[in-house]
């Protein structure tokens, strides 16, 4: 999943970025038990960077993904990311 986010940051096509964000969003529930804390931090940090994207669709999907992984990774995400 790291590669997906890294490719999204390198791409200028908003459709690729949204597809990458959605891949993280849909996979989050299945990988929440397998992720270590440093991986959760990686996802949070990288997703937060998309909030400042110029495209409103990317910003919306980034916020939606953060909301979903906040629920999927609870209580770890709430404990370390206040």
PDB file of N, CA and C in Angstrom:
ATOM      1  N   UNK A   1       0.820  -1.188   0.000  1.00  0.00           N
ATOM      2  CA  UNK A   1       0.000   0.000   0.000  1.00  0.00           C
ATOM      3  C   UNK A   1       0.873   1.266   0.000  1.00  0.00           C
ATOM      4  N   UNK A   2       2.100   1.119   0.498  1.00  0.00           N
ATOM      5  CA  UNK A   2       3.011   2.262   0.502  1.00  0.00           C
ATOM      6  C   UNK A   2       3.262   2.749  -0.923  1.00  0.00           C
ATOM      7  N   UNK A   3       3.437   1.790  -1.834  1.00  0.00           N
ATOM      8  CA  UNK A   3       3.721   2.151  -3.215  1.00  0.00           C
ATOM      9  C   UNK A   3       2.561   2.911  -3.847  1.00  0.00           C
ATOM     10  N   UNK A   4       1.357   2.560  -3.459  1.00  0.00           N
ATOM     11  CA  UNK A   4       0.175   3.223  -4.012  1.00  0.00           C
ATOM     12  C   UNK A   4       0.191   4.711  -3.659  1.00  0.00           C
ATOM     13  N   UNK A   5       0.457   5.013  -2.404  1.00  0.00           N
ATOM     14  CA  UNK A   5       0.499   6.415  -1.986  1.00  0.00           C
ATOM     15  C   UNK A   5       1.685   7.149  -2.583  1.00  0.00           C
ATOM     16  N   UNK A   6       2.819   6.493  -2.679  1.00  0.00           N
ATOM     17  CA  UNK A   6       3.991   7.139  -3.258  1.00  0.00           C
ATOM     18  C   UNK A   6       3.771   7.469  -4.731  1.00  0.00           C
ATOM     19  N   UNK A   7       3.119   6.571  -5.462  1.00  0.00           N
ATOM     20  CA  UNK A   7       2.816   6.835  -6.869  1.00  0.00           C
ATOM     21  C   UNK A   7       1.798   7.961  -7.005  1.00  0.00           C
ATOM     22  N   UNK A   8       0.858   8.008  -6.095  1.00  0.00           N
ATOM     23  CA  UNK A   8      -0.152   9.072  -6.136  1.00  0.00           C
ATOM     24  C   UNK A   8       0.492  10.436  -5.953  1.00  0.00           C
ATOM     25  N   UNK A   9       1.468  10.523  -5.074  1.00  0.00           N
ATOM     26  CA  UNK A   9       2.155  11.797  -4.855  1.00  0.00           C
ATOM     27  C   UNK A   9       2.969  12.213  -6.079  1.00  0.00           C
ATOM     28  N   UNK A  10       3.453  11.242  -6.822  1.00  0.00           N
ATOM     29  CA  UNK A  10       4.280  11.544  -7.982  1.00  0.00           C
ATOM     30  C   UNK A  10       3.450  11.845  -9.229  1.00  0.00           C
ATOM     31  N   UNK A  11       2.162  11.557  -9.189  1.00  0.00           N
ATOM     32  CA  UNK A  11       1.310  11.693 -10.373  1.00  0.00           C
ATOM     33  C   UNK A  11       0.556  13.022 -10.367  1.00  0.00           C
ATOM     34  N   UNK A  12       0.397  13.599 -11.546  1.00  0.00           N
ATOM     35  CA  UNK A  12      -0.343  14.854 -11.674  1.00  0.00           C
ATOM     36  C   UNK A  12      -1.787  14.638 -12.106  1.00  0.00           C
ATOM     37  N   UNK A  13      -2.150  13.415 -12.437  1.00  0.00           N
ATOM     38  CA  UNK A  13      -3.511  13.117 -12.890  1.00  0.00           C
ATOM     39  C   UNK A  13      -4.405  12.879 -11.668  1.00  0.00           C
ATOM     40  N   UNK A  14      -5.396  13.740 -11.478  1.00  0.00           N
ATOM     41  CA  UNK A  14      -6.249  13.661 -10.297  1.00  0.00           C
ATOM     42  C   UNK A  14      -7.001  12.340 -10.219  1.00  0.00           C
ATOM     43  N   UNK A  15      -7.289  11.720 -11.367  1.00  0.00           N
ATOM     44  CA  UNK A  15      -8.007  10.441 -11.362  1.00  0.00           C
ATOM     45  C   UNK A  15      -7.158   9.330 -10.772  1.00  0.00           C
ATOM     46  N   UNK A  16      -5.875   9.348 -11.047  1.00  0.00           N
ATOM     47  CA  UNK A  16      -4.958   8.358 -10.472  1.00  0.00           C
ATOM     48  C   UNK A  16      -4.832   8.573  -8.966  1.00  0.00           C
ATOM     49  N   UNK A  17      -4.772   9.827  -8.562  1.00  0.00           N
ATOM     50  CA  UNK A  17      -4.662  10.154  -7.141  1.00  0.00           C
ATOM     51  C   UNK A  17      -5.906   9.678  -6.392  1.00  0.00           C
ATOM     52  N   UNK A  18      -7.075   9.950  -6.955  1.00  0.00           N
ATOM     53  CA  UNK A  18      -8.316   9.512  -6.309  1.00  0.00           C
ATOM     54  C   UNK A  18      -8.395   7.986  -6.262  1.00  0.00           C
ATOM     55  N   UNK A  19      -7.992   7.316  -7.319  1.00  0.00           N
ATOM     56  CA  UNK A  19      -7.992   5.853  -7.324  1.00  0.00           C
ATOM     57  C   UNK A  19      -7.066   5.310  -6.238  1.00  0.00           C
ATOM     58  N   UNK A  20      -5.932   5.958  -6.045  1.00  0.00           N
ATOM     59  CA  UNK A  20      -4.992   5.524  -5.005  1.00  0.00           C
ATOM     60  C   UNK A  20      -5.569   5.737  -3.611  1.00  0.00           C
ATOM     61  N   UNK A  21      -6.189   6.879  -3.408  1.00  0.00           N
ATOM     62  CA  UNK A  21      -6.807   7.165  -2.108  1.00  0.00           C
ATOM     63  C   UNK A  21      -7.926   6.166  -1.827  1.00  0.00           C
ATOM     64  N   UNK A  22      -8.729   5.873  -2.839  1.00  0.00           N
ATOM     65  CA  UNK A  22      -9.814   4.914  -2.655  1.00  0.00           C
ATOM     66  C   UNK A  22      -9.298   3.507  -2.399  1.00  0.00           C
ATOM     67  N   UNK A  23      -8.178   3.146  -3.001  1.00  0.00           N
ATOM     68  CA  UNK A  23      -7.585   1.830  -2.729  1.00  0.00           C
ATOM     69  C   UNK A  23      -7.201   1.713  -1.259  1.00  0.00           C
ATOM     70  N   UNK A  24      -6.624   2.769  -0.704  1.00  0.00           N
ATOM     71  CA  UNK A  24      -6.283   2.780   0.723  1.00  0.00           C
ATOM     72  C   UNK A  24      -7.556   2.689   1.559  1.00  0.00           C
ATOM     73  N   UNK A  25      -8.551   3.460   1.178  1.00  0.00           N
ATOM     74  CA  UNK A  25      -9.800   3.508   1.941  1.00  0.00           C
ATOM     75  C   UNK A  25     -10.460   2.129   2.009  1.00  0.00           C
ATOM     76  N   UNK A  26     -10.540   1.448   0.875  1.00  0.00           N
ATOM     77  CA  UNK A  26     -11.227   0.156   0.846  1.00  0.00           C
ATOM     78  C   UNK A  26     -10.399  -0.967   1.451  1.00  0.00           C
ATOM     79  N   UNK A  27      -9.097  -0.831   1.428  1.00  0.00           N
ATOM     80  CA  UNK A  27      -8.233  -1.860   2.015  1.00  0.00           C
ATOM     81  C   UNK A  27      -8.041  -1.682   3.516  1.00  0.00           C
ATOM     82  N   UNK A  28      -8.328  -0.510   4.023  1.00  0.00           N
ATOM     83  CA  UNK A  28      -8.033  -0.191   5.423  1.00  0.00           C
ATOM     84  C   UNK A  28      -8.694  -1.145   6.408  1.00  0.00           C
ATOM     85  N   UNK A  29      -9.927  -1.500   6.150  1.00  0.00           N
ATOM     86  CA  UNK A  29     -10.630  -2.388   7.075  1.00  0.00           C
ATOM     87  C   UNK A  29      -9.958  -3.749   7.155  1.00  0.00           C
ATOM     88  N   UNK A  30      -9.505  -4.259   6.025  1.00  0.00           N
ATOM     89  CA  UNK A  30      -8.875  -5.571   6.001  1.00  0.00           C
ATOM     90  C   UNK A  30      -7.468  -5.603   6.561  1.00  0.00           C
ATOM     91  N   UNK A  31      -6.771  -4.476   6.519  1.00  0.00           N
ATOM     92  CA  UNK A  31      -5.376  -4.470   6.972  1.00  0.00           C
ATOM     93  C   UNK A  31      -5.202  -3.837   8.348  1.00  0.00           C
ATOM     94  N   UNK A  32      -6.287  -3.388   8.950  1.00  0.00           N
ATOM     95  CA  UNK A  32      -6.158  -2.657  10.221  1.00  0.00           C
ATOM     96  C   UNK A  32      -5.517  -3.491  11.323  1.00  0.00           C
ATOM     97  N   UNK A  33      -5.772  -4.783  11.341  1.00  0.00           N
ATOM     98  CA  UNK A  33      -5.171  -5.635  12.372  1.00  0.00           C
ATOM     99  C   UNK A  33      -3.718  -5.974  12.070  1.00  0.00           C
ATOM    100  N   UNK A  34      -3.312  -5.844  10.820  1.00  0.00           N
ATOM    101  CA  UNK A  34      -1.955  -6.220  10.416  1.00  0.00           C
ATOM    102  C   UNK A  34      -0.968  -5.062  10.457  1.00  0.00           C
ATOM    103  N   UNK A  35      -1.466  -3.841  10.438  1.00  0.00           N
ATOM    104  CA  UNK A  35      -0.590  -2.665  10.364  1.00  0.00           C
ATOM    105  C   UNK A  35       0.070  -2.360  11.698  1.00  0.00           C
ATOM    106  N   UNK A  36       1.336  -2.025  11.603  1.00  0.00           N
ATOM    107  CA  UNK A  36       2.065  -1.548  12.781  1.00  0.00           C
ATOM    108  C   UNK A  36       1.826  -0.052  12.918  1.00  0.00           C
ATOM    109  N   UNK A  37       2.181   0.489  14.078  1.00  0.00           N
ATOM    110  CA  UNK A  37       1.927   1.906  14.344  1.00  0.00           C
ATOM    111  C   UNK A  37       2.650   2.812  13.355  1.00  0.00           C
ATOM    112  N   UNK A  38       3.868   2.462  12.966  1.00  0.00           N
ATOM    113  CA  UNK A  38       4.591   3.315  12.019  1.00  0.00           C
ATOM    114  C   UNK A  38       3.930   3.326  10.639  1.00  0.00           C
ATOM    115  N   UNK A  39       3.252   2.238  10.276  1.00  0.00           N
ATOM    116  CA  UNK A  39       2.517   2.222   9.017  1.00  0.00           C
ATOM    117  C   UNK A  39       1.273   3.100   9.094  1.00  0.00           C
ATOM    118  N   UNK A  40       0.597   3.077  10.235  1.00  0.00           N
ATOM    119  CA  UNK A  40      -0.567   3.937  10.433  1.00  0.00           C
ATOM    120  C   UNK A  40      -0.144   5.402  10.341  1.00  0.00           C
ATOM    121  N   UNK A  41       0.994   5.732  10.941  1.00  0.00           N
ATOM    122  CA  UNK A  41       1.517   7.093  10.868  1.00  0.00           C
ATOM    123  C   UNK A  41       1.836   7.481   9.426  1.00  0.00           C
ATOM    124  N   UNK A  42       2.390   6.547   8.668  1.00  0.00           N
ATOM    125  CA  UNK A  42       2.697   6.802   7.254  1.00  0.00           C
ATOM    126  C   UNK A  42       1.430   7.142   6.480  1.00  0.00           C
ATOM    127  N   UNK A  43       0.380   6.363   6.675  1.00  0.00           N
ATOM    128  CA  UNK A  43      -0.887   6.623   5.975  1.00  0.00           C
ATOM    129  C   UNK A  43      -1.466   7.975   6.378  1.00  0.00           C
ATOM    130  N   UNK A  44      -1.468   8.260   7.659  1.00  0.00           N
ATOM    131  CA  UNK A  44      -2.025   9.534   8.135  1.00  0.00           C
ATOM    132  C   UNK A  44      -1.259  10.715   7.552  1.00  0.00           C
ATOM    133  N   UNK A  45       0.055  10.651   7.617  1.00  0.00           N
ATOM    134  CA  UNK A  45       0.890  11.750   7.124  1.00  0.00           C
ATOM    135  C   UNK A  45       0.664  11.977   5.638  1.00  0.00           C
ATOM    136  N   UNK A  46       0.662  10.917   4.875  1.00  0.00           N
ATOM    137  CA  UNK A  46       0.526  11.050   3.430  1.00  0.00           C
ATOM    138  C   UNK A  46      -0.875  11.455   3.010  1.00  0.00           C
ATOM    139  N   UNK A  47      -1.879  10.955   3.678  1.00  0.00           N
ATOM    140  CA  UNK A  47      -3.240  11.348   3.332  1.00  0.00           C
ATOM    141  C   UNK A  47      -3.502  12.807   3.682  1.00  0.00           C
ATOM    142  N   UNK A  48      -2.930  13.268   4.773  1.00  0.00           N
ATOM    143  CA  UNK A  48      -3.112  14.671   5.159  1.00  0.00           C
ATOM    144  C   UNK A  48      -2.504  15.620   4.133  1.00  0.00           C
ATOM    145  N   UNK A  49      -1.476  15.191   3.441  1.00  0.00           N
ATOM    146  CA  UNK A  49      -0.867  16.031   2.409  1.00  0.00           C
ATOM    147  C   UNK A  49      -1.813  16.261   1.232  1.00  0.00           C
ATOM    148  N   UNK A  50      -2.713  15.308   0.977  1.00  0.00           N
ATOM    149  CA  UNK A  50      -3.663  15.460  -0.129  1.00  0.00           C
ATOM    150  C   UNK A  50      -4.763  16.466   0.184  1.00  0.00           C
ATOM    151  N   UNK A  51      -4.927  16.831   1.432  1.00  0.00           N
ATOM    152  CA  UNK A  51      -5.957  17.805   1.801  1.00  0.00           C
ATOM    153  C   UNK A  51      -5.659  19.167   1.176  1.00  0.00           C
ATOM    154  N   UNK A  52      -4.414  19.436   0.895  1.00  0.00           N
ATOM    155  CA  UNK A  52      -4.020  20.713   0.307  1.00  0.00           C
ATOM    156  C   UNK A  52      -3.926  20.661  -1.218  1.00  0.00           C
ATOM    157  N   UNK A  53      -4.398  19.587  -1.828  1.00  0.00           N
ATOM    158  CA  UNK A  53      -4.365  19.454  -3.277  1.00  0.00           C
ATOM    159  C   UNK A  53      -5.264  20.499  -3.921  1.00  0.00           C
ATOM    160  N   UNK A  54      -4.914  20.919  -5.120  1.00  0.00           N
ATOM    161  CA  UNK A  54      -5.693  21.961  -5.795  1.00  0.00           C
ATOM    162  C   UNK A  54      -7.052  21.463  -6.286  1.00  0.00           C
ATOM    163  N   UNK A  55      -7.185  20.157  -6.475  1.00  0.00           N
ATOM    164  CA  UNK A  55      -8.433  19.603  -6.978  1.00  0.00           C
ATOM    165  C   UNK A  55      -9.389  19.301  -5.821  1.00  0.00           C
ATOM    166  N   UNK A  56     -10.606  19.852  -5.855  1.00  0.00           N
ATOM    167  CA  UNK A  56     -11.549  19.621  -4.755  1.00  0.00           C
ATOM    168  C   UNK A  56     -11.969  18.164  -4.622  1.00  0.00           C
ATOM    169  N   UNK A  57     -11.960  17.411  -5.707  1.00  0.00           N
ATOM    170  CA  UNK A  57     -12.312  15.985  -5.624  1.00  0.00           C
ATOM    171  C   UNK A  57     -11.261  15.208  -4.843  1.00  0.00           C
ATOM    172  N   UNK A  58     -10.007  15.559  -5.064  1.00  0.00           N
ATOM    173  CA  UNK A  58      -8.914  14.910  -4.323  1.00  0.00           C
ATOM    174  C   UNK A  58      -9.013  15.267  -2.849  1.00  0.00           C
ATOM    175  N   UNK A  59      -9.263  16.526  -2.550  1.00  0.00           N
ATOM    176  CA  UNK A  59      -9.396  16.951  -1.146  1.00  0.00           C
ATOM    177  C   UNK A  59     -10.541  16.222  -0.464  1.00  0.00           C
ATOM    178  N   UNK A  60     -11.680  16.114  -1.143  1.00  0.00           N
ATOM    179  CA  UNK A  60     -12.838  15.430  -0.574  1.00  0.00           C
ATOM    180  C   UNK A  60     -12.526  13.966  -0.287  1.00  0.00           C
ATOM    181  N   UNK A  61     -11.934  13.274  -1.275  1.00  0.00           N
ATOM    182  CA  UNK A  61     -11.625  11.862  -1.079  1.00  0.00           C
ATOM    183  C   UNK A  61     -10.571  11.650  -0.003  1.00  0.00           C
ATOM    184  N   UNK A  62      -9.635  12.562   0.112  1.00  0.00           N
ATOM    185  CA  UNK A  62      -8.625  12.453   1.171  1.00  0.00           C
ATOM    186  C   UNK A  62      -9.283  12.575   2.542  1.00  0.00           C
ATOM    187  N   UNK A  63     -10.177  13.527   2.699  1.00  0.00           N
ATOM    188  CA  UNK A  63     -10.883  13.688   3.973  1.00  0.00           C
ATOM    189  C   UNK A  63     -11.777  12.490   4.269  1.00  0.00           C
ATOM    190  N   UNK A  64     -12.449  11.991   3.237  1.00  0.00           N
ATOM    191  CA  UNK A  64     -13.300  10.817   3.412  1.00  0.00           C
ATOM    192  C   UNK A  64     -12.477   9.606   3.828  1.00  0.00           C
ATOM    193  N   UNK A  65     -11.314   9.436   3.215  1.00  0.00           N
ATOM    194  CA  UNK A  65     -10.431   8.315   3.557  1.00  0.00           C
ATOM    195  C   UNK A  65      -9.920   8.448   4.982  1.00  0.00           C
ATOM    196  N   UNK A  66      -9.560   9.647   5.387  1.00  0.00           N
ATOM    197  CA  UNK A  66      -9.088   9.864   6.756  1.00  0.00           C
ATOM    198  C   UNK A  66     -10.188   9.519   7.751  1.00  0.00           C
ATOM    199  N   UNK A  67     -11.417   9.898   7.436  1.00  0.00           N
ATOM    200  CA  UNK A  67     -12.540   9.581   8.318  1.00  0.00           C
ATOM    201  C   UNK A  67     -12.745   8.067   8.433  1.00  0.00           C
ATOM    202  N   UNK A  68     -12.636   7.370   7.324  1.00  0.00           N
ATOM    203  CA  UNK A  68     -12.849   5.924   7.337  1.00  0.00           C
ATOM    204  C   UNK A  68     -11.715   5.204   8.058  1.00  0.00           C
ATOM    205  N   UNK A  69     -10.469   5.586   7.785  1.00  0.00           N
ATOM    206  CA  UNK A  69      -9.382   4.888   8.483  1.00  0.00           C
ATOM    207  C   UNK A  69      -9.326   5.277   9.955  1.00  0.00           C
ATOM    208  N   UNK A  70      -9.851   6.441  10.287  1.00  0.00           N
ATOM    209  CA  UNK A  70      -9.930   6.803  11.715  1.00  0.00           C
ATOM    210  C   UNK A  70     -10.837   5.835  12.457  1.00  0.00           C
ATOM    211  N   UNK A  71     -11.877   5.398  11.785  1.00  0.00           N
ATOM    212  CA  UNK A  71     -12.772   4.415  12.389  1.00  0.00           C
ATOM    213  C   UNK A  71     -12.153   3.020  12.351  1.00  0.00           C
ATOM    214  N   UNK A  72     -11.531   2.663  11.227  1.00  0.00           N
ATOM    215  CA  UNK A  72     -10.952   1.328  11.082  1.00  0.00           C
ATOM    216  C   UNK A  72      -9.757   1.091  12.000  1.00  0.00           C
ATOM    217  N   UNK A  73      -8.966   2.120  12.237  1.00  0.00           N
ATOM    218  CA  UNK A  73      -7.754   1.978  13.044  1.00  0.00           C
ATOM    219  C   UNK A  73      -7.939   2.444  14.488  1.00  0.00           C
ATOM    220  N   UNK A  74      -9.188   2.627  14.918  1.00  0.00           N
ATOM    221  CA  UNK A  74      -9.402   3.077  16.290  1.00  0.00           C
ATOM    222  C   UNK A  74      -9.026   1.979  17.261  1.00  0.00           C
ATOM    223  N   UNK A  75      -8.601   2.211  18.421  1.00  0.00           N
ATOM    224  CA  UNK A  75      -8.312   3.483  19.070  1.00  0.00           C
ATOM    225  C   UNK A  75      -6.884   3.977  18.817  1.00  0.00           C
ATOM    226  N   UNK A  76      -6.102   3.205  18.035  1.00  0.00           N
ATOM    227  CA  UNK A  76      -4.703   3.594  17.821  1.00  0.00           C
ATOM    228  C   UNK A  76      -4.568   4.970  17.192  1.00  0.00           C
ATOM    229  N   UNK A  77      -5.356   5.247  16.204  1.00  0.00           N
ATOM    230  CA  UNK A  77      -5.203   6.525  15.490  1.00  0.00           C
ATOM    231  C   UNK A  77      -5.604   7.695  16.369  1.00  0.00           C
ATOM    232  N   UNK A  78      -6.627   7.512  17.198  1.00  0.00           N
ATOM    233  CA  UNK A  78      -7.059   8.588  18.088  1.00  0.00           C
ATOM    234  C   UNK A  78      -6.041   8.823  19.201  1.00  0.00           C
ATOM    235  N   UNK A  79      -5.365   7.773  19.617  1.00  0.00           N
ATOM    236  CA  UNK A  79      -4.401   7.888  20.700  1.00  0.00           C
ATOM    237  C   UNK A  79      -3.145   8.648  20.253  1.00  0.00           C
ATOM    238  N   UNK A  80      -2.678   8.388  19.039  1.00  0.00           N
ATOM    239  CA  UNK A  80      -1.408   8.969  18.601  1.00  0.00           C
ATOM    240  C   UNK A  80      -1.546  10.183  17.698  1.00  0.00           C
ATOM    241  N   UNK A  81      -2.739  10.452  17.185  1.00  0.00           N
ATOM    242  CA  UNK A  81      -2.914  11.556  16.233  1.00  0.00           C
ATOM    243  C   UNK A  81      -4.065  12.444  16.709  1.00  0.00           C
ATOM    244  N   UNK A  82      -3.764  13.316  17.635  1.00  0.00           N
ATOM    245  CA  UNK A  82      -4.796  14.203  18.180  1.00  0.00           C
ATOM    246  C   UNK A  82      -4.771  15.537  17.498  1.00  0.00           C
TER     247      UNK A  82
END
